[in-house]
């Protein structure tokens, strides 16, 4: 799918306010990529990694698998 209007329409349909209790949106860094976490209360509903090229969003990768989303709630300390 391509085009800002089409992508926005799909995301708004998936995350309508009446489908989520206490919706929350957080900007995060996931796998060294800008990302958006959408949660219903404390439960993540989706993580969307945003690829940006020349100042424009070129790709959005969605993670909606509940098993993978469980890892989002675990804080990790990164060290080298």
Protein backbone atom coordinates (compact mmCIF):
# COMPACT_ATOMS: atom_id res chain seq x y z
CA UNK A 1 0.00 0.00 0.00
CA UNK A 2 1.31 3.45 -0.73
CA UNK A 3 0.14 7.00 -0.29
CA UNK A 4 -0.22 8.99 2.90
CA UNK A 5 -4.02 9.08 2.79
CA UNK A 6 -4.38 5.30 2.32
CA UNK A 7 -1.90 4.48 5.08
CA UNK A 8 -3.50 6.96 7.49
CA UNK A 9 -6.98 5.56 6.78
CA UNK A 10 -5.87 2.01 7.56
CA UNK A 11 -4.10 3.02 10.78
CA UNK A 12 -7.10 5.05 11.93
CA UNK A 13 -9.40 2.10 11.25
CA UNK A 14 -7.20 -0.31 13.20
CA UNK A 15 -6.84 2.01 16.18
CA UNK A 16 -10.23 3.72 16.43
CA UNK A 17 -10.85 5.23 19.85
CA UNK A 18 -13.91 3.02 20.38
CA UNK A 19 -11.74 -0.10 19.90
CA UNK A 20 -9.14 0.81 22.52
CA UNK A 21 -9.67 1.40 26.22
CA UNK A 22 -7.49 4.26 27.46
CA UNK A 23 -5.45 4.65 24.23
CA UNK A 24 -1.82 5.75 24.60
CA UNK A 25 0.75 6.66 21.96
CA UNK A 26 4.48 6.80 22.71
CA UNK A 27 7.41 7.66 20.48
CA UNK A 28 10.28 5.22 21.06
CA UNK A 29 13.46 3.87 19.54
CA UNK A 30 13.07 0.22 18.49
CA UNK A 31 15.98 -1.63 16.91
CA UNK A 32 17.71 1.74 16.40
CA UNK A 33 14.73 2.96 14.37
CA UNK A 34 12.15 5.63 15.23
CA UNK A 35 8.94 3.90 16.25
CA UNK A 36 5.45 4.50 17.62
CA UNK A 37 3.93 2.26 20.29
CA UNK A 38 0.15 2.28 20.49
CA UNK A 39 -1.24 0.81 23.70
CA UNK A 40 -4.60 0.17 25.26
CA UNK A 41 -3.94 1.04 28.89
CA UNK A 42 -0.70 -0.78 29.71
CA UNK A 43 -1.09 -3.41 26.96
CA UNK A 44 0.71 -2.69 23.67
CA UNK A 45 -1.53 -3.11 20.61
CA UNK A 46 1.13 -2.42 18.02
CA UNK A 47 4.62 -1.12 17.34
CA UNK A 48 5.21 0.75 14.12
CA UNK A 49 8.79 1.27 12.97
CA UNK A 50 9.12 4.29 10.73
CA UNK A 51 11.74 4.45 8.00
CA UNK A 52 12.61 8.01 6.98
CA UNK A 53 14.53 8.96 3.82
CA UNK A 54 15.26 12.56 2.86
CA UNK A 55 12.93 13.79 5.61
CA UNK A 56 9.94 11.75 4.38
CA UNK A 57 8.40 8.56 5.71
CA UNK A 58 9.15 5.89 3.11
CA UNK A 59 8.13 2.72 4.96
CA UNK A 60 6.22 1.68 8.06
CA UNK A 61 6.78 -1.77 9.53
CA UNK A 62 4.05 -3.03 11.86
CA UNK A 63 4.48 -5.47 14.72
CA UNK A 64 1.10 -6.75 15.97
CA UNK A 65 1.94 -10.33 16.97
CA UNK A 66 1.03 -10.61 20.70
CA UNK A 67 4.07 -12.83 21.39
CA UNK A 68 6.43 -10.24 19.93
CA UNK A 69 4.60 -7.35 21.59
CA UNK A 70 5.20 -8.94 25.01
CA UNK A 71 8.90 -8.11 24.60
CA UNK A 72 8.05 -4.42 24.19
CA UNK A 73 6.96 -4.15 27.82
CA UNK A 74 10.35 -5.32 29.14
CA UNK A 75 12.85 -2.54 29.87
CA UNK A 76 16.34 -3.27 28.69
CA UNK A 77 19.62 -1.64 29.48
CA UNK A 78 21.94 -1.32 26.53
CA UNK A 79 25.66 -1.35 27.19
CA UNK A 80 28.81 -2.02 25.25
